[in-house]
Structure formats: structure tokens, C-alpha cells
C-alpha atoms as a PDB file:
ATOM      1  CA  MET A   1     -50.264 -31.539 -32.829  1.00  0.00           C
ATOM      2  CA  ILE A   2     -47.811 -28.738 -33.501  1.00  0.00           C
ATOM      3  CA  TYR A   3     -47.704 -27.582 -37.117  1.00  0.00           C
ATOM      4  CA  THR A   4     -44.128 -26.753 -38.066  1.00  0.00           C
ATOM      5  CA  CYS A   5     -42.245 -25.307 -40.988  1.00  0.00           C
ATOM      6  CA  TYR A   6     -41.567 -28.884 -42.131  1.00  0.00           C
ATOM      7  CA  GLU A   7     -45.284 -29.674 -42.395  1.00  0.00           C
ATOM      8  CA  MET A   8     -46.008 -26.317 -43.979  1.00  0.00           C
ATOM      9  CA  THR A   9     -43.388 -26.886 -46.679  1.00  0.00           C
ATOM     10  CA  ARG A  10     -44.718 -30.366 -47.395  1.00  0.00           C
ATOM     11  CA  ASP A  11     -48.310 -29.126 -47.555  1.00  0.00           C
ATOM     12  CA  CYS A  12     -47.469 -26.112 -49.749  1.00  0.00           C
ATOM     13  CA  ARG A  13     -45.562 -28.381 -52.118  1.00  0.00           C
ATOM     14  CA  ALA A  14     -48.656 -30.600 -52.284  1.00  0.00           C
ATOM     15  CA  GLY A  15     -50.898 -27.556 -52.871  1.00  0.00           C
ATOM     16  CA  MET A  16     -52.816 -28.074 -49.635  1.00  0.00           C
ATOM     17  CA  PRO A  17     -54.643 -25.011 -48.296  1.00  0.00           C
ATOM     18  CA  GLU A  18     -53.447 -25.690 -44.735  1.00  0.00           C
ATOM     19  CA  GLY A  19     -49.844 -25.077 -45.770  1.00  0.00           C
ATOM     20  CA  TRP A  20     -50.639 -21.868 -47.598  1.00  0.00           C
ATOM     21  CA  ALA A  21     -52.819 -20.585 -44.742  1.00  0.00           C
ATOM     22  CA  TYR A  22     -49.965 -21.202 -42.300  1.00  0.00           C
ATOM     23  CA  PHE A  23     -47.496 -19.565 -44.685  1.00  0.00           C
ATOM     24  CA  LEU A  24     -49.638 -16.453 -45.059  1.00  0.00           C
ATOM     25  CA  THR A  25     -50.284 -16.157 -41.337  1.00  0.00           C
ATOM     26  CA  ASN A  26     -46.701 -16.690 -40.231  1.00  0.00           C
ATOM     27  CA  TYR A  27     -44.498 -15.466 -43.074  1.00  0.00           C
ATOM     28  CA  VAL A  28     -46.248 -12.428 -44.545  1.00  0.00           C
ATOM     29  CA  PRO A  29     -45.046 -10.465 -41.483  1.00  0.00           C
ATOM     30  CA  ALA A  30     -41.510 -11.626 -42.297  1.00  0.00           C
ATOM     31  CA  ILE A  31     -41.968 -10.557 -45.918  1.00  0.00           C
ATOM     32  CA  ARG A  32     -43.069  -7.134 -44.704  1.00  0.00           C
ATOM     33  CA  GLN A  33     -39.969  -6.922 -42.507  1.00  0.00           C
ATOM     34  CA  PHE A  34     -37.721  -7.828 -45.451  1.00  0.00           C
ATOM     35  CA  LEU A  35     -39.380  -5.132 -47.546  1.00  0.00           C
ATOM     36  CA  ALA A  36     -39.078  -2.567 -44.735  1.00  0.00           C
ATOM     37  CA  HIS A  37     -35.393  -3.375 -44.362  1.00  0.00           C
ATOM     38  CA  TYR A  38     -34.374  -3.492 -48.035  1.00  0.00           C
ATOM     39  CA  PHE A  39     -36.988  -1.183 -49.584  1.00  0.00           C
ATOM     40  CA  PRO A  40     -38.208   1.133 -46.789  1.00  0.00           C
ATOM     41  CA  ASP A  41     -39.967   3.489 -49.191  1.00  0.00           C
ATOM     42  CA  ARG A  42     -42.084   0.606 -50.584  1.00  0.00           C
ATOM     43  CA  ALA A  43     -42.695  -1.419 -47.420  1.00  0.00           C
ATOM     44  CA  ALA A  44     -46.365  -0.425 -47.181  1.00  0.00           C
ATOM     45  CA  ASP A  45     -47.067  -1.035 -50.876  1.00  0.00           C
ATOM     46  CA  VAL A  46     -49.851  -3.648 -50.858  1.00  0.00           C
ATOM     47  CA  ALA A  47     -49.504  -4.239 -54.597  1.00  0.00           C
ATOM     48  CA  LEU A  48     -45.822  -5.086 -54.094  1.00  0.00           C
ATOM     49  CA  ILE A  49     -46.626  -7.566 -51.329  1.00  0.00           C
ATOM     50  CA  ASP A  50     -49.273  -9.137 -53.574  1.00  0.00           C
ATOM     51  CA  ARG A  51     -46.770  -9.405 -56.423  1.00  0.00           C
ATOM     52  CA  VAL A  52     -44.230 -11.079 -54.127  1.00  0.00           C
ATOM     53  CA  LEU A  53     -46.835 -13.580 -52.890  1.00  0.00           C
ATOM     54  CA  ILE A  54     -47.877 -14.402 -56.446  1.00  0.00           C
ATOM     55  CA  ALA A  55     -44.234 -14.932 -57.404  1.00  0.00           C
ATOM     56  CA  LEU A  56     -43.724 -17.262 -54.432  1.00  0.00           C
ATOM     57  CA  HIS A  57     -46.737 -19.314 -55.458  1.00  0.00           C
ATOM     58  CA  GLN A  58     -45.459 -19.874 -59.026  1.00  0.00           C
ATOM     59  CA  PRO A  59     -44.024 -23.281 -59.970  1.00  0.00           C
ATOM     60  CA  GLN A  60     -40.672 -21.717 -60.903  1.00  0.00           C
ATOM     61  CA  SER A  61     -40.219 -20.412 -57.341  1.00  0.00           C
ATOM     62  CA  SER A  62     -37.564 -22.522 -55.648  1.00  0.00           C
ATOM     63  CA  LEU A  63     -38.943 -21.869 -52.159  1.00  0.00           C
ATOM     64  CA  PHE A  64     -41.014 -25.051 -52.017  1.00  0.00           C
ATOM     65  CA  GLN A  65     -39.165 -27.139 -54.624  1.00  0.00           C
ATOM     66  CA  SER A  66     -36.539 -28.818 -52.451  1.00  0.00           C
ATOM     67  CA  PRO A  67     -37.222 -32.531 -52.049  1.00  0.00           C
ATOM     68  CA  GLU A  68     -36.572 -32.182 -48.326  1.00  0.00           C
ATOM     69  CA  PRO A  69     -38.300 -29.541 -46.215  1.00  0.00           C
ATOM     70  CA  ALA A  70     -35.948 -27.001 -44.718  1.00  0.00           C
ATOM     71  CA  PRO A  71     -35.668 -26.082 -41.056  1.00  0.00           C
ATOM     72  CA  GLU A  72     -37.204 -22.695 -40.333  1.00  0.00           C
ATOM     73  CA  ARG A  73     -33.913 -20.789 -40.327  1.00  0.00           C
ATOM     74  CA  ALA A  74     -32.951 -22.094 -43.770  1.00  0.00           C
ATOM     75  CA  PHE A  75     -36.516 -21.544 -45.004  1.00  0.00           C
ATOM     76  CA  CYS A  76     -36.411 -17.882 -43.904  1.00  0.00           C
ATOM     77  CA  ALA A  77     -33.052 -17.391 -45.618  1.00  0.00           C
ATOM     78  CA  GLY A  78     -34.509 -18.825 -48.825  1.00  0.00           C
ATOM     79  CA  LEU A  79     -37.625 -16.724 -48.386  1.00  0.00           C
ATOM     80  CA  ARG A  80     -35.530 -13.566 -48.151  1.00  0.00           C
ATOM     81  CA  GLN A  81     -33.741 -14.445 -51.406  1.00  0.00           C
ATOM     82  CA  GLU A  82     -37.040 -15.165 -53.159  1.00  0.00           C
ATOM     83  CA  VAL A  83     -38.556 -11.883 -51.925  1.00  0.00           C
ATOM     84  CA  LEU A  84     -35.558  -9.896 -53.120  1.00  0.00           C
ATOM     85  CA  ALA A  85     -35.659 -11.651 -56.494  1.00  0.00           C
ATOM     86  CA  ALA A  86     -39.390 -10.947 -56.839  1.00  0.00           C
ATOM     87  CA  VAL A  87     -38.943  -7.237 -56.168  1.00  0.00           C
END
């Protein structure tokens, strides 16, 4: 079976570790790229990346709150907005 962004979103919303493991593996590199693009002087700041990840995991984060999972392109656009808001 292929695990997609749809399944990841569903599993993260349900608090399943599989979703969060997939998110960390596949989207932390994207978060680093967003930081390198928008905040080049802080892109290597591990504490900043940790703070962003904690913010994304909070219930008030809208990233995983949509009743319908988003396709990957829309998910990445939402992820970028959440990362910028967290910084």
C-alpha cells in the first residue's frame, strides 16, 4: 500500500503515530526549506525547528483541522503558512 498525504492527514488528526512519523520524515525537509528561504540566517536553528514542530502539533494549528484531507500541494501551501505564523 502507498501511504499518501491523505492518509497522513487522517492519521495525524486521529493522533496516530504513523501519521506523525510520516509527517516528520517527509515534511521536516520542507520546513527547513521554508526557513532557509524566508529566514536564511535562522535556517539551521534547531530550537526554531523544534518550536515550529511543537506549534504544528498544537490543537489550535489549522494544518490538520480540515474535515477533508488536502491534496499534497494544498497541504504544503498550508504548511508554509503555519510555519511562517509559528516563526
